[in-house]
Amino acid sequence: MSILQVLRQTGDMRDRRDKGRLRWWGWIVFGAVLVIVAAVAGTWRLVDPMSIDGDADRVSAIQTVFTIGFGFGGLATLALFARRQWLQEREHEHDRQVAADARHDAEQRRITEQYIQAVAQLGHDKAPVRLGGLYGLDRLGRDHPGQREKIAEVWCAYLRRRYSPPTDILTWPNPGAANESDLPEPEIQAEAEAADELEVRLTAQRLLAEHLKDPRPEKARDATSPAESPDYWNLKEVNLACATLIDLDFSHCRLPTLKASNACFHRRTSFSNVHFDGIVDLIRARFHGPTRFDGTHFHSDALCSETRFDSLAGFSEARFDEFAWFSETRFNGETLFDQARFNNRTMFNGAEFGNFASFAKAYFDIDAMFAKAKFGVFTNFASTHFGGDAWLDQTRFHGDALFTGAHFDHSARFVQARFDKHATFSEVHFNDFVNFSASHFGNGAKFEKTHFHGPAYFRGLQFGDEAISPQIQFAGATVHCLDFKESEHMWPAGWVTVPDGATWRLAWTRLRRAHADTSKLVAILAGSPIFAGLFLRSSELRLRSAPDVEMGR
């Protein structure tokens, strides 16, 4: 409906209203006259001035009658003027509302026209025209808060379009891409169009990131979102599922629910110091270049199962308040979860770490599951705190595994785990049940100065090098026996426990298989006062008197 039609309808309504008002005014005036006449007649009848003796009294009574009549007439006049003023104000308010509606309709039509024009520009063949469409939407969103969610969705939809990046993007950072002069003409044209499209996509990513950047100082950022402004848009969702993204930089942003499943991230990607207020969905996403989540705060679930990181994956000092799911994820490059905090259940079941993986000083508040995970050249869990159960059953460590100084507050399971290289559990605190049954140690294991506060199972161990003696070192290890019995333990073959007050010490004895009665000799020697004192002083037993029995540290 045009403005002219609105004004015409408004004029017709006004004419009909004026005619009705004239009819009502006639009846109102007639009623007022009747009230005045009735008041004069009633007063005259009550006072009856003609029956009063004396001219002066009679004149005074008549004056009183007409005074009352004029009073009623004044009241009626005031009432008429008040009603007239009320009607005029009502009419004026109605006119103002009609004008405001007309302006609103005109503004909405203008917004719709600008929106349609900008969206149409995004489908243009020329990259500069598409850039103009992006900036047109940005200007529209800055001026009209109600359009921001739609505009952000248009940008995301544009990034979700199928796109094949230029060759130098696909081969980055490795040199040796094909020389453009050697390519056929159609491929040269395709490369040029892909390069132009790249500029448009980078602009869309930048505009989206600019309006999600938290404007507050870093120390002032908390669980609440900042106030919305033309610069910061408080969106409900960012949908980048199946999108192709290049050099994406969302660092220091405040992101709502992020849907990026099956997305493809090329070159560098940064989510450092981001606050994710909603669920993060990165299921089956692929990161081709270095990826940073350092200092990122996940306020809701982080879903990263079957995700692939081809290069560096940095999650140092990241915080996961809810469920963290990394099952079947592949980390082909260096992986850093140093000082990360997991406040809810964490799952790395079946994950693969092809290179260096570090969880140093990380904190798992509830269960941490690494069952059937595979670690690469080096694994670092030094000073890691497991507040819940730790599940590492059938986990394989292809390189050295370092757990020095780790704390296991609840059960720790390494059933059928495989350590191909050195395994170090020195100064570890096992505060509950620990189970290494059927585990394989390819190059031995060290449990030096380790504390066992609960039952320990080392049944059915396998070793890669029988020549190492002993294959497991317990030098300085302490077994706390206050809450359970020694029979609940199952130590590796050759290790015995020696009481030492409220704790036990572990001592190593290696018996030659050719002498079946050696164990009896060891038992006799261990029961003698001399050797018992030796056990209590050093928790070790060494026999050098016979070649058939060897005991070492």
Protein backbone atom coordinates (compact mmCIF):
# COMPACT_ATOMS: atom_id res chain seq x y z
CA MET A 1 0.00 0.00 0.00
CA SER A 2 1.44 3.40 -1.04
CA ILE A 3 1.62 6.53 1.12
CA LEU A 4 -0.97 8.20 -1.15
CA GLN A 5 -3.46 5.43 -0.49
CA VAL A 6 -2.82 5.67 3.25
CA LEU A 7 -3.43 9.43 3.21
CA ARG A 8 -6.56 9.00 1.09
CA GLN A 9 -7.98 6.45 3.50
CA THR A 10 -7.06 8.73 6.38
CA GLY A 11 -8.96 11.65 4.74
CA ASP A 12 -12.08 9.55 4.17
CA MET A 13 -12.03 8.41 7.76
CA ARG A 14 -11.68 12.03 8.89
CA ASP A 15 -14.70 13.17 6.78
CA ARG A 16 -16.87 10.40 8.19
CA ARG A 17 -15.69 11.29 11.67
CA ASP A 18 -16.52 15.00 11.16
CA LYS A 19 -20.07 14.26 9.99
CA GLY A 20 -20.70 12.02 12.95
CA ARG A 21 -19.24 14.65 15.26
CA LEU A 22 -21.65 17.34 13.98
CA ARG A 23 -24.62 15.14 14.69
CA TRP A 24 -23.37 14.44 18.20
CA TRP A 25 -22.69 18.13 18.85
CA GLY A 26 -26.30 19.01 17.97
CA TRP A 27 -27.66 16.54 20.45
CA ILE A 28 -25.19 17.68 23.12
CA VAL A 29 -26.21 21.37 22.73
CA PHE A 30 -29.89 20.46 22.79
CA GLY A 31 -29.35 18.46 25.96
CA ALA A 32 -27.46 21.33 27.61
CA VAL A 33 -30.32 23.77 26.86
CA LEU A 34 -32.81 21.35 28.33
CA VAL A 35 -30.70 21.06 31.48
CA ILE A 36 -30.57 24.84 31.86
CA VAL A 37 -34.34 25.25 31.27
CA ALA A 38 -35.08 22.43 33.71
CA ALA A 39 -32.83 24.01 36.31
CA VAL A 40 -34.50 27.43 35.95
CA ALA A 41 -37.98 25.94 35.99
CA GLY A 42 -37.25 23.78 38.97
CA THR A 43 -35.73 26.63 40.94
CA TRP A 44 -38.59 28.94 39.98
CA ARG A 45 -41.08 26.34 41.19
CA LEU A 46 -39.27 25.88 44.48
CA VAL A 47 -38.68 29.55 45.21
CA ASP A 48 -41.94 30.83 43.63
CA PRO A 49 -40.85 34.52 43.56
CA MET A 50 -44.31 35.75 42.50
CA SER A 51 -45.79 34.68 45.80
CA ILE A 52 -43.33 36.70 47.83
CA ASP A 53 -44.56 39.97 49.28
CA GLY A 54 -42.44 42.98 48.77
CA ASP A 55 -40.91 44.10 45.55
CA ALA A 56 -37.34 43.94 46.82
CA ASP A 57 -37.65 40.35 48.05
CA ARG A 58 -39.41 39.33 44.87
CA VAL A 59 -36.63 40.83 42.71
CA SER A 60 -34.02 39.13 44.88
CA ALA A 61 -35.72 35.73 44.48
CA ILE A 62 -35.95 36.18 40.70
CA GLN A 63 -32.24 37.06 40.63
CA THR A 64 -31.48 33.92 42.60
CA VAL A 65 -33.42 31.76 40.15
CA PHE A 66 -31.65 33.16 37.14
CA THR A 67 -28.27 32.99 38.92
CA ILE A 68 -28.77 29.28 39.45
CA GLY A 69 -29.82 28.93 35.81
CA PHE A 70 -26.74 30.77 34.61
CA GLY A 71 -24.60 28.59 36.90
CA PHE A 72 -25.92 25.45 35.29
CA GLY A 73 -25.38 27.07 31.92
CA GLY A 74 -21.75 27.79 32.82
CA LEU A 75 -21.18 24.22 33.94
CA ALA A 76 -22.69 22.93 30.73
CA THR A 77 -20.49 25.27 28.72
CA LEU A 78 -17.38 24.10 30.59
CA ALA A 79 -18.36 20.49 29.98
CA LEU A 80 -18.81 21.18 26.29
CA PHE A 81 -15.43 22.87 26.03
CA ALA A 82 -13.73 20.07 27.99
CA ARG A 83 -15.23 17.45 25.69
CA ARG A 84 -14.19 19.46 22.67
CA GLN A 85 -10.63 19.70 23.96
CA TRP A 86 -10.56 15.95 24.67
CA LEU A 87 -11.80 15.17 21.18
CA GLN A 88 -9.22 17.47 19.63
CA GLU A 89 -6.41 15.83 21.61
CA ARG A 90 -7.68 12.39 20.65
CA GLU A 91 -7.83 13.39 17.02
CA HIS A 92 -4.34 14.81 17.21
CA GLU A 93 -3.01 11.62 18.83
CA HIS A 94 -4.71 9.55 16.17
CA ASP A 95 -3.16 11.68 13.45
CA ARG A 96 0.24 11.29 15.07
CA GLN A 97 -0.20 7.50 15.25
CA VAL A 98 -1.27 7.36 11.62
CA ALA A 99 1.76 9.41 10.61
CA ALA A 100 4.05 7.21 12.71
CA ASP A 101 2.59 4.08 11.12
CA ALA A 102 3.10 5.57 7.72
CA ARG A 103 6.72 6.42 8.53
CA HIS A 104 7.27 2.93 9.96
CA ASP A 105 5.80 1.29 6.88
CA ALA A 106 7.94 3.48 4.66
CA GLU A 107 11.04 2.63 6.69
CA GLN A 108 10.27 -1.08 6.57
CA ARG A 109 9.82 -0.90 2.83
CA ARG A 110 13.11 0.94 2.52
CA ILE A 111 14.87 -1.66 4.72
CA THR A 112 13.35 -4.49 2.70
CA GLU A 113 14.42 -2.88 -0.56
CA GLN A 114 17.97 -2.35 0.72
CA TYR A 115 18.09 -5.91 2.06
CA ILE A 116 16.87 -7.42 -1.22
CA GLN A 117 19.26 -5.26 -3.21
CA ALA A 118 22.27 -6.25 -1.06
CA VAL A 119 21.38 -9.95 -1.15
CA ALA A 120 20.97 -9.74 -4.91
CA GLN A 121 24.44 -8.22 -5.16
CA LEU A 122 25.90 -11.26 -3.38
CA GLY A 123 24.79 -13.37 -6.33
CA HIS A 124 26.46 -11.16 -8.91
CA ASP A 125 29.20 -12.50 -11.17
CA LYS A 126 31.63 -9.68 -10.34
CA ALA A 127 33.53 -9.80 -7.04
CA PRO A 128 33.42 -5.98 -6.47
CA VAL A 129 29.62 -6.09 -6.67
CA ARG A 130 29.52 -8.91 -4.13
CA LEU A 131 31.78 -6.89 -1.84
CA GLY A 132 29.37 -3.99 -2.13
CA GLY A 133 26.55 -6.29 -1.07
CA LEU A 134 28.47 -7.33 2.06
CA TYR A 135 29.16 -3.74 3.08
CA GLY A 136 25.55 -2.78 2.32
CA LEU A 137 24.32 -5.43 4.73
CA ASP A 138 26.84 -4.28 7.31
CA ARG A 139 25.56 -0.70 7.13
CA LEU A 140 21.98 -1.91 7.33
CA GLY A 141 22.74 -3.99 10.43
CA ARG A 142 24.49 -1.15 12.20
CA ASP A 143 21.46 1.12 11.81
CA HIS A 144 18.73 -1.47 12.45
CA PRO A 145 19.27 -3.92 15.36
CA GLY A 146 16.28 -6.04 14.36
CA GLN A 147 18.01 -7.04 11.13
CA ARG A 148 21.33 -8.18 12.63
CA GLU A 149 20.43 -11.84 13.14
CA LYS A 150 19.23 -12.12 9.53
CA ILE A 151 22.28 -10.33 8.15
CA ALA A 152 24.68 -12.57 10.08
CA GLU A 153 22.83 -15.61 8.75
CA VAL A 154 23.20 -14.27 5.18
CA TRP A 155 26.96 -13.90 5.70
CA CYS A 156 27.17 -17.44 7.11
CA ALA A 157 25.07 -18.79 4.26
CA TYR A 158 27.45 -17.17 1.79
CA LEU A 159 30.42 -18.83 3.51
CA ARG A 160 28.58 -22.17 3.39
CA ARG A 161 28.45 -22.04 -0.40
CA ARG A 162 30.58 -24.61 -2.17
CA TYR A 163 34.00 -23.19 -2.89
CA SER A 164 37.33 -24.55 -4.08
CA PRO A 165 40.18 -22.30 -2.88
CA PRO A 166 43.13 -21.38 -5.12
CA THR A 167 45.99 -23.85 -5.42
CA ASP A 168 48.32 -21.84 -3.19
CA ILE A 169 45.72 -22.14 -0.39
CA LEU A 170 45.35 -25.89 -0.83
CA THR A 171 49.13 -26.49 -0.91
CA TRP A 172 49.98 -24.07 1.93
CA PRO A 173 52.51 -24.05 3.57
CA ASN A 174 54.35 -26.39 1.22
CA PRO A 175 55.90 -24.69 -1.83
CA GLY A 176 55.98 -26.22 -5.28
CA ALA A 177 52.52 -25.30 -6.54
CA ALA A 178 52.07 -25.48 -10.29
CA ASN A 179 53.21 -22.46 -12.28
CA GLU A 180 50.19 -20.54 -13.54
CA SER A 181 51.72 -20.22 -17.02
CA ASP A 182 51.82 -24.01 -17.33
CA LEU A 183 48.11 -24.41 -16.61
CA PRO A 184 45.47 -24.74 -19.34
CA GLU A 185 43.40 -21.66 -20.08
CA PRO A 186 40.24 -22.93 -18.29
CA GLU A 187 42.23 -23.67 -15.14
CA ILE A 188 43.87 -20.23 -15.26
CA GLN A 189 40.42 -18.65 -15.46
CA ALA A 190 39.20 -20.81 -12.56
CA GLU A 191 42.22 -19.82 -10.45
CA ALA A 192 41.53 -16.13 -11.11
CA GLU A 193 37.87 -16.47 -10.15
CA ALA A 194 38.81 -18.40 -7.01
CA ALA A 195 41.26 -15.63 -6.03
CA ASP A 196 38.56 -12.96 -6.48
CA GLU A 197 36.09 -15.03 -4.49
CA LEU A 198 38.70 -15.41 -1.76
CA GLU A 199 38.70 -11.64 -1.17
CA VAL A 200 34.93 -11.66 -0.82
CA ARG A 201 35.03 -14.54 1.65
CA LEU A 202 37.78 -12.97 3.73
CA THR A 203 35.66 -9.81 3.95
CA ALA A 204 32.60 -11.79 5.07
CA GLN A 205 34.68 -13.54 7.76
CA ARG A 206 36.15 -10.24 8.94
CA LEU A 207 32.78 -8.47 9.15
CA LEU A 208 31.29 -11.38 11.10
CA ALA A 209 34.26 -11.44 13.50
CA GLU A 210 34.17 -7.66 14.00
CA HIS A 211 30.58 -7.79 15.23
CA LEU A 212 31.34 -10.68 17.61
CA LYS A 213 34.43 -9.10 19.17
CA ASP A 214 33.97 -8.43 22.88
CA PRO A 215 34.53 -4.66 23.30
CA ARG A 216 35.21 -4.88 27.04
CA PRO A 217 38.73 -5.04 28.51
CA GLU A 218 39.95 -8.60 28.91
CA LYS A 219 39.85 -8.44 32.71
CA ALA A 220 36.22 -7.27 32.65
CA ARG A 221 34.99 -10.20 30.58
CA ASP A 222 32.91 -12.72 32.52
CA ALA A 223 30.01 -15.12 31.99
CA THR A 224 27.69 -12.29 30.89
CA SER A 225 27.52 -10.92 27.37
CA PRO A 226 28.38 -7.26 26.69
CA ALA A 227 25.68 -4.73 25.86
CA GLU A 228 24.61 -4.73 22.24
CA SER A 229 25.78 -1.83 20.09
CA PRO A 230 26.33 -1.03 16.41
CA ASP A 231 29.76 -2.64 16.77
CA TYR A 232 28.84 -5.68 18.90
CA TRP A 233 25.91 -7.83 17.82
CA ASN A 234 24.38 -10.20 20.33
CA LEU A 235 23.59 -13.12 18.01
CA LYS A 236 21.86 -16.36 18.93
CA GLU A 237 23.68 -18.69 16.54
CA VAL A 238 26.54 -18.80 14.04
CA ASN A 239 25.97 -21.55 11.48
CA LEU A 240 29.13 -22.41 9.51
CA ALA A 241 28.38 -26.08 8.93
CA CYS A 242 30.16 -27.37 5.80
CA ALA A 243 31.68 -23.91 5.25
CA THR A 244 35.08 -23.35 3.62
CA LEU A 245 37.05 -20.89 5.77
CA ILE A 246 40.50 -19.43 5.18
CA ASP A 247 42.62 -17.66 7.82
CA LEU A 248 39.66 -17.45 10.16
CA ASP A 249 40.35 -15.23 13.18
CA PHE A 250 37.70 -15.23 15.92
CA SER A 251 40.16 -14.44 18.72
CA HIS A 252 38.71 -12.45 21.67
CA CYS A 253 35.17 -12.91 20.34
CA ARG A 254 31.99 -13.73 22.22
CA LEU A 255 30.37 -16.52 20.26
CA PRO A 256 26.90 -18.00 20.77
CA THR A 257 26.06 -21.51 19.61
CA LEU A 258 28.56 -22.43 16.89
CA LYS A 259 27.63 -24.99 14.25
CA ALA A 260 30.71 -25.87 12.23
CA SER A 261 30.36 -29.60 11.63
CA ASN A 262 32.08 -30.79 8.45
CA ALA A 263 33.60 -27.33 8.01
CA CYS A 264 36.98 -27.01 6.31
CA PHE A 265 39.53 -24.59 7.84
CA HIS A 266 42.50 -23.67 5.64
CA ARG A 267 45.77 -22.02 6.70
CA ARG A 268 45.75 -20.50 10.19
CA THR A 269 42.69 -20.62 12.45
CA SER A 270 42.38 -18.78 15.75
CA PHE A 271 39.74 -19.13 18.46
CA SER A 272 42.10 -17.91 21.19
CA ASN A 273 40.52 -16.29 24.27
CA VAL A 274 37.02 -16.85 22.92
CA HIS A 275 33.96 -17.26 25.14
CA PHE A 276 31.57 -19.83 23.71
CA ASP A 277 28.21 -19.23 25.39
CA GLY A 278 26.45 -22.06 23.55
CA ILE A 279 27.23 -25.52 22.23
CA VAL A 280 30.27 -25.80 19.97
CA ASP A 281 29.77 -28.34 17.18
CA LEU A 282 33.00 -29.20 15.33
CA ILE A 283 32.09 -32.81 14.57
CA ARG A 284 34.04 -34.07 11.53
CA ALA A 285 35.51 -30.63 10.89
CA ARG A 286 38.99 -30.48 9.39
CA PHE A 287 41.73 -28.00 10.26
CA HIS A 288 44.46 -28.01 7.62
CA GLY A 289 46.72 -25.45 9.31
CA PRO A 290 47.75 -24.40 12.82
CA THR A 291 44.73 -24.03 15.09
CA ARG A 292 44.60 -22.12 18.36
CA PHE A 293 42.06 -22.42 21.17
CA ASP A 294 44.46 -21.10 23.83
CA GLY A 295 42.67 -19.51 26.79
CA THR A 296 39.26 -20.30 25.30
CA HIS A 297 36.30 -20.76 27.63
CA PHE A 298 33.66 -23.30 26.65
CA HIS A 299 30.61 -22.52 28.78
CA SER A 300 28.61 -25.35 27.21
CA ASP A 301 29.34 -28.68 25.50
CA ALA A 302 32.33 -28.92 23.16
CA LEU A 303 31.68 -31.55 20.48
CA CYS A 304 34.85 -32.35 18.53
CA SER A 305 34.45 -36.03 17.75
CA GLU A 306 35.99 -37.30 14.49
CA THR A 307 37.58 -33.90 13.99
CA ARG A 308 40.93 -33.78 12.22
CA PHE A 309 43.81 -31.44 13.03
CA ASP A 310 46.53 -31.74 10.39
CA SER A 311 48.88 -29.28 12.09
CA LEU A 312 49.32 -27.69 15.52
CA ALA A 313 46.29 -27.94 17.82
CA GLY A 314 46.67 -25.60 20.79
CA PHE A 315 44.24 -25.78 23.72
CA SER A 316 46.60 -24.49 26.42
CA GLU A 317 44.78 -22.97 29.41
CA ALA A 318 41.42 -23.71 27.77
CA ARG A 319 38.46 -24.28 30.07
CA PHE A 320 35.64 -26.76 29.45
CA ASP A 321 32.70 -26.24 31.81
CA GLU A 322 30.53 -28.97 30.32
CA PHE A 323 31.02 -32.17 28.33
CA ALA A 324 34.21 -32.27 26.22
CA TRP A 325 34.00 -34.86 23.43
CA PHE A 326 37.13 -35.64 21.39
CA SER A 327 36.41 -39.30 20.59
CA GLU A 328 37.94 -40.62 17.33
CA THR A 329 39.63 -37.26 16.77
CA ARG A 330 42.94 -37.23 14.90
CA PHE A 331 45.70 -34.89 16.00
CA ASN A 332 48.34 -35.23 13.27
CA GLY A 333 50.49 -32.34 14.49
CA GLU A 334 51.68 -31.11 17.84
CA THR A 335 48.89 -31.14 20.43
CA LEU A 336 48.92 -28.92 23.51
CA PHE A 337 46.40 -29.13 26.35
CA ASP A 338 48.81 -27.74 28.96
CA GLN A 339 47.03 -26.31 32.03
CA ALA A 340 43.65 -26.95 30.42
CA ARG A 341 40.76 -27.49 32.81
CA PHE A 342 37.98 -30.00 32.22
CA ASN A 343 35.15 -29.43 34.70
CA ASN A 344 32.93 -32.21 33.39
CA ARG A 345 33.29 -35.58 31.70
CA THR A 346 35.98 -35.77 29.06
CA MET A 347 36.20 -38.33 26.28
CA PHE A 348 39.26 -38.98 24.10
CA ASN A 349 38.29 -42.59 23.38
CA GLY A 350 39.88 -43.76 20.14
CA ALA A 351 41.66 -40.45 19.57
CA GLU A 352 44.97 -40.51 17.68
CA PHE A 353 47.91 -38.25 18.51
CA GLY A 354 50.46 -38.56 15.71
CA ASN A 355 53.04 -36.19 17.14
CA PHE A 356 53.96 -34.62 20.47
CA ALA A 357 50.98 -34.52 22.86
CA SER A 358 51.08 -32.63 26.13
CA PHE A 359 48.52 -32.46 28.95
CA ALA A 360 51.01 -31.08 31.46
CA LYS A 361 49.35 -29.57 34.55
CA ALA A 362 45.91 -30.18 33.07
CA TYR A 363 43.02 -30.74 35.48
CA PHE A 364 40.25 -33.29 34.92
CA ASP A 365 37.57 -32.63 37.51
CA ILE A 366 35.43 -35.67 36.63
CA ASP A 367 36.07 -38.81 34.56
CA ALA A 368 38.75 -38.70 31.88
CA MET A 369 38.43 -41.38 29.21
CA PHE A 370 41.32 -42.22 26.87
CA ALA A 371 40.39 -45.85 26.12
CA LYS A 372 41.93 -47.18 22.89
CA ALA A 373 43.62 -43.85 22.23
CA LYS A 374 46.94 -43.82 20.35
CA PHE A 375 49.77 -41.48 21.25
CA GLY A 376 52.74 -40.63 19.04
CA VAL A 377 56.41 -39.79 19.53
CA PHE A 378 56.05 -38.30 23.03
CA THR A 379 53.25 -38.00 25.57
CA ASN A 380 53.38 -35.65 28.53
CA PHE A 381 50.98 -35.95 31.46
CA ALA A 382 53.43 -34.45 33.97
CA SER A 383 51.73 -32.92 37.04
CA THR A 384 48.31 -33.67 35.58
CA HIS A 385 45.46 -33.95 38.08
CA PHE A 386 42.76 -36.55 37.54
CA GLY A 387 39.93 -35.65 39.91
CA GLY A 388 37.69 -38.49 38.72
CA ASP A 389 38.25 -41.94 37.28
CA ALA A 390 40.95 -42.20 34.61
CA TRP A 391 40.31 -44.75 31.87
CA LEU A 392 43.30 -45.60 29.68
CA ASP A 393 42.42 -49.21 28.86
CA GLN A 394 44.01 -50.52 25.65
CA THR A 395 45.69 -47.17 25.10
CA ARG A 396 48.90 -47.31 23.09
CA PHE A 397 51.92 -45.06 23.58
CA HIS A 398 54.25 -45.37 20.57
CA GLY A 399 56.83 -43.05 22.12
CA ASP A 400 57.95 -42.12 25.62
CA ALA A 401 55.12 -41.58 28.11
CA LEU A 402 55.71 -39.19 31.00
CA PHE A 403 53.32 -39.12 34.00
CA THR A 404 55.77 -37.64 36.53
CA GLY A 405 54.03 -35.90 39.43
CA ALA A 406 50.52 -36.79 38.27
CA HIS A 407 47.69 -37.22 40.79
CA PHE A 408 44.92 -39.81 40.44
CA ASP A 409 42.23 -39.07 43.05
CA HIS A 410 40.10 -42.05 42.03
CA SER A 411 40.67 -45.25 40.11
CA ALA A 412 43.27 -45.35 37.34
CA ARG A 413 42.89 -48.06 34.72
CA PHE A 414 45.67 -49.00 32.29
CA VAL A 415 44.38 -52.50 31.50
CA GLN A 416 46.02 -53.88 28.33
CA ALA A 417 47.77 -50.57 27.75
CA ARG A 418 50.89 -50.72 25.59
CA PHE A 419 54.01 -48.63 26.19
CA ASP A 420 56.44 -49.13 23.30
CA LYS A 421 59.14 -46.87 24.78
CA HIS A 422 59.95 -45.57 28.25
CA ALA A 423 57.07 -45.16 30.69
CA THR A 424 57.68 -42.88 33.67
CA PHE A 425 55.29 -42.78 36.63
CA SER A 426 57.74 -41.33 39.15
CA GLU A 427 56.34 -39.31 42.08
CA VAL A 428 52.80 -40.16 41.05
CA HIS A 429 50.04 -40.35 43.67
CA PHE A 430 47.55 -43.16 43.11
CA ASN A 431 44.94 -42.30 45.74
CA ASP A 432 42.63 -45.19 44.85
CA PHE A 433 42.58 -48.40 42.88
CA VAL A 434 45.18 -48.67 40.07
CA ASN A 435 45.19 -51.45 37.49
CA PHE A 436 47.98 -52.22 35.00
CA SER A 437 46.88 -55.80 34.32
CA ALA A 438 48.03 -57.30 30.99
CA SER A 439 49.87 -54.11 30.07
CA HIS A 440 52.94 -54.19 27.83
CA PHE A 441 56.12 -52.26 28.65
CA GLY A 442 58.48 -52.27 25.69
CA ASN A 443 61.35 -50.49 27.42
CA GLY A 444 60.53 -50.78 31.10
CA ALA A 445 58.72 -48.46 33.48
CA LYS A 446 59.70 -46.30 36.43
CA PHE A 447 57.53 -45.91 39.52
CA GLU A 448 60.22 -44.24 41.63
CA LYS A 449 58.95 -42.38 44.72
CA THR A 450 55.40 -43.24 43.73
CA HIS A 451 52.66 -43.41 46.38
CA PHE A 452 50.05 -46.17 46.30
CA HIS A 453 47.09 -45.29 48.55
CA GLY A 454 44.85 -48.03 47.22
CA PRO A 455 45.05 -51.54 45.79
CA ALA A 456 47.48 -52.00 42.90
CA TYR A 457 47.22 -54.68 40.22
CA PHE A 458 50.19 -55.54 37.99
CA ARG A 459 49.02 -58.97 36.88
CA GLY A 460 50.11 -60.51 33.57
CA LEU A 461 52.58 -57.83 32.53
CA GLN A 462 54.51 -58.17 29.30
CA PHE A 463 57.95 -56.79 28.55
CA GLY A 464 59.73 -56.10 25.31
CA ASP A 465 63.29 -56.61 26.56
CA GLU A 466 63.80 -59.43 29.02
CA ALA A 467 67.46 -58.40 29.46
CA ILE A 468 66.53 -55.33 31.49
CA SER A 469 66.55 -56.19 35.16
CA PRO A 470 64.24 -55.22 36.65
CA GLN A 471 61.83 -54.09 33.95
CA ILE A 472 59.83 -52.00 36.45
CA GLN A 473 61.55 -49.77 39.00
CA PHE A 474 59.91 -49.04 42.35
CA ALA A 475 62.85 -47.33 44.06
CA GLY A 476 61.54 -45.16 46.90
CA ALA A 477 57.92 -46.16 46.23
CA THR A 478 55.57 -46.17 49.22
CA VAL A 479 52.53 -48.36 49.78
CA HIS A 480 50.04 -46.96 52.30
CA CYS A 481 48.32 -49.84 54.03
CA LEU A 482 46.00 -48.12 56.46
CA ASP A 483 42.70 -48.79 54.70
CA PHE A 484 43.21 -52.13 52.95
CA LYS A 485 45.07 -55.41 53.22
CA GLU A 486 48.30 -56.41 51.51
CA SER A 487 46.46 -59.30 49.87
CA GLU A 488 44.54 -56.82 47.73
CA HIS A 489 47.78 -55.96 45.92
CA MET A 490 49.26 -57.86 43.02
CA TRP A 491 52.79 -56.64 42.34
CA PRO A 492 55.00 -57.54 39.37
CA ALA A 493 57.00 -60.77 39.66
CA GLY A 494 60.13 -60.30 41.72
CA TRP A 495 58.86 -57.46 43.93
CA VAL A 496 58.02 -57.95 47.60
CA THR A 497 56.69 -55.59 50.25
CA VAL A 498 58.43 -54.87 53.53
CA PRO A 499 56.47 -53.36 56.46
CA ASP A 500 57.75 -50.01 57.66
CA GLY A 501 55.40 -48.67 60.32
CA ALA A 502 52.18 -47.42 58.78
CA THR A 503 53.48 -47.93 55.25
CA TRP A 504 55.20 -50.57 53.16
CA ARG A 505 58.33 -50.41 51.09
CA LEU A 506 58.87 -52.34 47.89
CA ALA A 507 62.00 -54.44 47.43
CA TRP A 508 63.17 -56.19 44.28
CA THR A 509 64.35 -59.79 44.09
CA ARG A 510 65.25 -61.64 40.88
CA LEU A 511 65.43 -65.43 41.17
CA ARG A 512 67.15 -67.63 38.64
CA ARG A 513 64.71 -70.08 37.15
CA ALA A 514 67.14 -72.99 37.45
CA HIS A 515 66.73 -73.16 41.23
CA ALA A 516 63.16 -73.78 42.34
CA ASP A 517 63.97 -73.51 46.03
CA THR A 518 65.44 -69.98 45.79
CA SER A 519 62.19 -68.40 46.93
CA LYS A 520 62.32 -70.38 50.14
CA LEU A 521 65.85 -69.12 50.76
CA VAL A 522 64.74 -65.56 50.24
CA ALA A 523 61.86 -66.04 52.64
CA ILE A 524 64.22 -67.46 55.30
CA LEU A 525 66.69 -64.60 54.83
CA ALA A 526 63.96 -61.98 54.86
CA GLY A 527 62.70 -63.41 58.17
CA SER A 528 66.07 -63.17 59.93
CA PRO A 529 66.68 -60.17 62.21
CA ILE A 530 69.75 -59.05 60.27
CA PHE A 531 68.07 -58.92 56.89
CA ALA A 532 64.83 -57.54 58.37
CA GLY A 533 66.81 -54.59 59.70
CA LEU A 534 68.35 -54.15 56.29
CA PHE A 535 64.85 -54.11 54.76
CA LEU A 536 63.66 -51.46 57.17
CA ARG A 537 66.66 -49.19 56.57
CA SER A 538 66.82 -49.22 52.78
CA SER A 539 63.78 -51.27 51.63
CA GLU A 540 66.15 -53.25 49.40
CA LEU A 541 67.73 -56.69 49.67
CA ARG A 542 70.96 -57.72 47.99
CA LEU A 543 72.47 -61.20 48.18
CA ARG A 544 75.98 -61.76 46.95
CA SER A 545 76.84 -65.02 48.79
CA ALA A 546 75.55 -67.43 46.12
CA PRO A 547 75.53 -67.20 42.34
CA ASP A 548 72.14 -68.89 42.21
CA VAL A 549 70.35 -65.91 43.89
CA GLU A 550 70.66 -62.32 42.79
CA MET A 551 69.02 -59.39 44.56
CA GLY A 552 69.48 -55.77 43.49
CA ARG A 553 68.07 -52.33 43.84
